[in-house]
Every structure is written in C-alpha cells, then in structure tokens.
Amino acid sequence: MIESVFSGEVSAQTAYGPQPPIMGAVTTNGNTATLTVTVPSLGVDGNPVMGLTYLEIFYKTTSMAGSTPAAERTAKTPVVQVAITEADAGQVKTVQIPNLNWGTTYFFGAVSRAFG
C-alpha cells in the first residue's frame, strides 16, 4: 500500500454551552436594582440548550466591556447566582440585587451556565 503525505493540517474547536442571556430592563428602588434577564433557549451551536444550571449576574461600578466572566471571577466582582433549569429556557427572570450604594451608577453583566 502506498499513501500520500498529509495535505496540510487544520484545526477547529467545537462549540458547546448556552448562548448568553439577554439583559432587559433595569430599575432601581432605593438601594435595590431589579433586572429582567431572558434565559437562553439555544446553545452556541444553535441546538436547544441542555443542562442549564444557573445565571450569574455580575455587578460593579465600572464597565465590564471587554472583560470575560473568568476575569470578573478572578477579580472577585460581586455576583448573584439564580438557579435555572431547561424548563426556564426562553423565559424572562426577574432578579433583585439589594444593598447597593445610594446614588451610585452600577454596571450589570449576565452569564448563563450549564453542565456539559
């Protein structure tokens, strides 16, 4: 048997996990912020999301633009976790974050987590 050499090598990383949640309205009442967050119904591969476990809502007084959830965890950015399941896919959740400083501007970022 005679075979050729490799014609070249390519690589690809498979995508998995849920798409990001969709942040909706945020309102404040005193020192509590109330956010609406839509739980993703699809994974990053376009298939129905499986194994949803929780949402993480990060919040701080500076922008998180250009950051990552891992970086925010390392920085110990405050976070609220909301338990979710596959039955919550596509649903809007209301999340309250209490004990904020009065008169301060906060930035919020949401991440969805799943087993996988």
C-alpha atoms as a PDB file:
ATOM      1  CA  MET A   1       0.000   0.000   0.000  1.00  0.00           C
ATOM      2  CA  ILE A   2       1.247   3.445  -0.891  1.00  0.00           C
ATOM      3  CA  GLU A   3      -0.196   6.523   0.757  1.00  0.00           C
ATOM      4  CA  SER A   4       0.297  10.217   0.407  1.00  0.00           C
ATOM      5  CA  VAL A   5       1.658  12.599   2.995  1.00  0.00           C
ATOM      6  CA  PHE A   6      -0.700  14.891   4.857  1.00  0.00           C
ATOM      7  CA  SER A   7      -2.021  17.607   2.614  1.00  0.00           C
ATOM      8  CA  GLY A   8      -1.969  20.028   5.493  1.00  0.00           C
ATOM      9  CA  GLU A   9      -3.476  20.307   8.886  1.00  0.00           C
ATOM     10  CA  VAL A  10      -6.404  22.349  10.087  1.00  0.00           C
ATOM     11  CA  SER A  11      -7.952  22.616  13.485  1.00  0.00           C
ATOM     12  CA  ALA A  12     -11.267  23.632  14.936  1.00  0.00           C
ATOM     13  CA  GLN A  13     -12.622  23.826  18.417  1.00  0.00           C
ATOM     14  CA  THR A  14     -16.115  22.502  18.926  1.00  0.00           C
ATOM     15  CA  ALA A  15     -18.575  24.950  20.400  1.00  0.00           C
ATOM     16  CA  TYR A  16     -20.742  23.992  23.325  1.00  0.00           C
ATOM     17  CA  GLY A  17     -22.643  25.610  26.121  1.00  0.00           C
ATOM     18  CA  PRO A  18     -25.530  28.046  26.244  1.00  0.00           C
ATOM     19  CA  GLN A  19     -25.749  31.308  24.383  1.00  0.00           C
ATOM     20  CA  PRO A  20     -25.541  34.415  26.573  1.00  0.00           C
ATOM     21  CA  PRO A  21     -28.693  35.520  28.363  1.00  0.00           C
ATOM     22  CA  ILE A  22     -30.367  38.683  27.128  1.00  0.00           C
ATOM     23  CA  MET A  23     -30.331  41.571  29.569  1.00  0.00           C
ATOM     24  CA  GLY A  24     -33.544  43.566  29.665  1.00  0.00           C
ATOM     25  CA  ALA A  25     -34.689  46.474  31.754  1.00  0.00           C
ATOM     26  CA  VAL A  26     -33.072  47.551  34.979  1.00  0.00           C
ATOM     27  CA  THR A  27     -34.870  49.695  37.506  1.00  0.00           C
ATOM     28  CA  THR A  28     -33.905  50.874  40.957  1.00  0.00           C
ATOM     29  CA  ASN A  29     -35.844  51.494  44.117  1.00  0.00           C
ATOM     30  CA  GLY A  30     -33.711  52.850  46.908  1.00  0.00           C
ATOM     31  CA  ASN A  31     -30.644  50.660  47.141  1.00  0.00           C
ATOM     32  CA  THR A  32     -32.071  47.681  45.195  1.00  0.00           C
ATOM     33  CA  ALA A  33     -31.744  47.087  41.457  1.00  0.00           C
ATOM     34  CA  THR A  34     -34.297  44.908  39.672  1.00  0.00           C
ATOM     35  CA  LEU A  35     -33.215  43.389  36.353  1.00  0.00           C
ATOM     36  CA  THR A  36     -35.013  41.291  33.776  1.00  0.00           C
ATOM     37  CA  VAL A  37     -32.951  38.589  32.084  1.00  0.00           C
ATOM     38  CA  THR A  38     -34.091  36.231  29.316  1.00  0.00           C
ATOM     39  CA  VAL A  39     -32.728  32.719  29.766  1.00  0.00           C
ATOM     40  CA  PRO A  40     -31.193  31.374  26.527  1.00  0.00           C
ATOM     41  CA  SER A  41     -33.043  28.603  24.722  1.00  0.00           C
ATOM     42  CA  LEU A  42     -30.235  27.676  22.317  1.00  0.00           C
ATOM     43  CA  GLY A  43     -26.668  26.599  22.732  1.00  0.00           C
ATOM     44  CA  VAL A  44     -23.823  28.335  20.914  1.00  0.00           C
ATOM     45  CA  ASP A  45     -24.025  25.528  18.337  1.00  0.00           C
ATOM     46  CA  GLY A  46     -27.637  26.516  17.505  1.00  0.00           C
ATOM     47  CA  ASN A  47     -29.200  23.419  19.073  1.00  0.00           C
ATOM     48  CA  PRO A  48     -31.608  23.514  22.028  1.00  0.00           C
ATOM     49  CA  VAL A  49     -29.679  24.204  25.204  1.00  0.00           C
ATOM     50  CA  MET A  50     -29.198  21.293  27.580  1.00  0.00           C
ATOM     51  CA  GLY A  51     -28.184  21.152  31.228  1.00  0.00           C
ATOM     52  CA  LEU A  52     -28.919  24.737  32.279  1.00  0.00           C
ATOM     53  CA  THR A  53     -27.885  25.261  35.879  1.00  0.00           C
ATOM     54  CA  TYR A  54     -27.834  28.952  36.714  1.00  0.00           C
ATOM     55  CA  LEU A  55     -27.469  32.548  35.655  1.00  0.00           C
ATOM     56  CA  GLU A  56     -24.709  34.687  37.083  1.00  0.00           C
ATOM     57  CA  ILE A  57     -25.333  38.424  37.323  1.00  0.00           C
ATOM     58  CA  PHE A  58     -22.113  40.370  37.885  1.00  0.00           C
ATOM     59  CA  TYR A  59     -22.309  43.979  39.047  1.00  0.00           C
ATOM     60  CA  LYS A  60     -19.832  46.747  39.786  1.00  0.00           C
ATOM     61  CA  THR A  61     -19.328  50.489  39.472  1.00  0.00           C
ATOM     62  CA  THR A  62     -17.096  50.304  36.365  1.00  0.00           C
ATOM     63  CA  SER A  63     -17.825  48.913  32.938  1.00  0.00           C
ATOM     64  CA  MET A  64     -17.162  45.245  32.175  1.00  0.00           C
ATOM     65  CA  ALA A  65     -16.878  45.925  28.422  1.00  0.00           C
ATOM     66  CA  GLY A  66     -14.035  43.848  27.006  1.00  0.00           C
ATOM     67  CA  SER A  67     -13.857  41.656  30.091  1.00  0.00           C
ATOM     68  CA  THR A  68     -14.754  37.984  30.492  1.00  0.00           C
ATOM     69  CA  PRO A  69     -16.684  36.100  33.166  1.00  0.00           C
ATOM     70  CA  ALA A  70     -13.441  34.336  34.165  1.00  0.00           C
ATOM     71  CA  ALA A  71     -11.682  37.690  34.610  1.00  0.00           C
ATOM     72  CA  GLU A  72     -14.569  39.021  36.706  1.00  0.00           C
ATOM     73  CA  ARG A  73     -14.494  35.893  38.895  1.00  0.00           C
ATOM     74  CA  THR A  74     -10.732  36.302  39.361  1.00  0.00           C
ATOM     75  CA  ALA A  75     -11.258  39.967  40.273  1.00  0.00           C
ATOM     76  CA  LYS A  76     -13.901  38.837  42.796  1.00  0.00           C
ATOM     77  CA  THR A  77     -16.551  41.054  41.204  1.00  0.00           C
ATOM     78  CA  PRO A  78     -19.791  40.717  43.178  1.00  0.00           C
ATOM     79  CA  VAL A  79     -22.151  38.195  41.607  1.00  0.00           C
ATOM     80  CA  VAL A  80     -25.684  36.933  42.203  1.00  0.00           C
ATOM     81  CA  GLN A  81     -26.481  33.376  41.125  1.00  0.00           C
ATOM     82  CA  VAL A  82     -30.001  32.420  40.057  1.00  0.00           C
ATOM     83  CA  ALA A  83     -30.826  28.713  39.751  1.00  0.00           C
ATOM     84  CA  ILE A  84     -32.405  27.756  36.404  1.00  0.00           C
ATOM     85  CA  THR A  85     -33.276  24.572  34.540  1.00  0.00           C
ATOM     86  CA  GLU A  86     -34.031  23.650  30.941  1.00  0.00           C
ATOM     87  CA  ALA A  87     -37.700  24.406  31.708  1.00  0.00           C
ATOM     88  CA  ASP A  88     -36.661  28.071  32.107  1.00  0.00           C
ATOM     89  CA  ALA A  89     -35.209  28.265  28.565  1.00  0.00           C
ATOM     90  CA  GLY A  90     -36.614  31.311  26.754  1.00  0.00           C
ATOM     91  CA  GLN A  91     -38.289  32.627  29.905  1.00  0.00           C
ATOM     92  CA  VAL A  92     -37.753  36.048  31.458  1.00  0.00           C
ATOM     93  CA  LYS A  93     -36.413  36.016  35.011  1.00  0.00           C
ATOM     94  CA  THR A  94     -36.599  38.952  37.382  1.00  0.00           C
ATOM     95  CA  VAL A  95     -33.535  39.341  39.577  1.00  0.00           C
ATOM     96  CA  GLN A  96     -33.169  41.692  42.519  1.00  0.00           C
ATOM     97  CA  ILE A  97     -29.781  42.886  43.722  1.00  0.00           C
ATOM     98  CA  PRO A  98     -30.092  44.541  47.140  1.00  0.00           C
ATOM     99  CA  ASN A  99     -27.714  46.557  49.300  1.00  0.00           C
ATOM    100  CA  LEU A 100     -26.307  48.799  46.575  1.00  0.00           C
ATOM    101  CA  ASN A 101     -24.933  52.243  47.418  1.00  0.00           C
ATOM    102  CA  TRP A 102     -27.472  55.015  47.042  1.00  0.00           C
ATOM    103  CA  GLY A 103     -26.778  57.426  44.154  1.00  0.00           C
ATOM    104  CA  THR A 104     -24.107  55.195  42.574  1.00  0.00           C
ATOM    105  CA  THR A 105     -24.125  54.039  38.938  1.00  0.00           C
ATOM    106  CA  TYR A 106     -23.739  50.261  38.531  1.00  0.00           C
ATOM    107  CA  PHE A 107     -22.977  48.115  35.508  1.00  0.00           C
ATOM    108  CA  PHE A 108     -24.518  44.642  35.198  1.00  0.00           C
ATOM    109  CA  GLY A 109     -23.481  41.657  33.101  1.00  0.00           C
ATOM    110  CA  ALA A 110     -25.168  38.261  32.849  1.00  0.00           C
ATOM    111  CA  VAL A 111     -23.763  34.821  32.024  1.00  0.00           C
ATOM    112  CA  SER A 112     -25.649  31.540  31.621  1.00  0.00           C
ATOM    113  CA  ARG A 113     -24.077  28.319  32.893  1.00  0.00           C
ATOM    114  CA  ALA A 114     -24.792  24.701  32.048  1.00  0.00           C
ATOM    115  CA  PHE A 115     -23.356  21.291  32.766  1.00  0.00           C
ATOM    116  CA  GLY A 116     -21.589  19.964  29.753  1.00  0.00           C
END
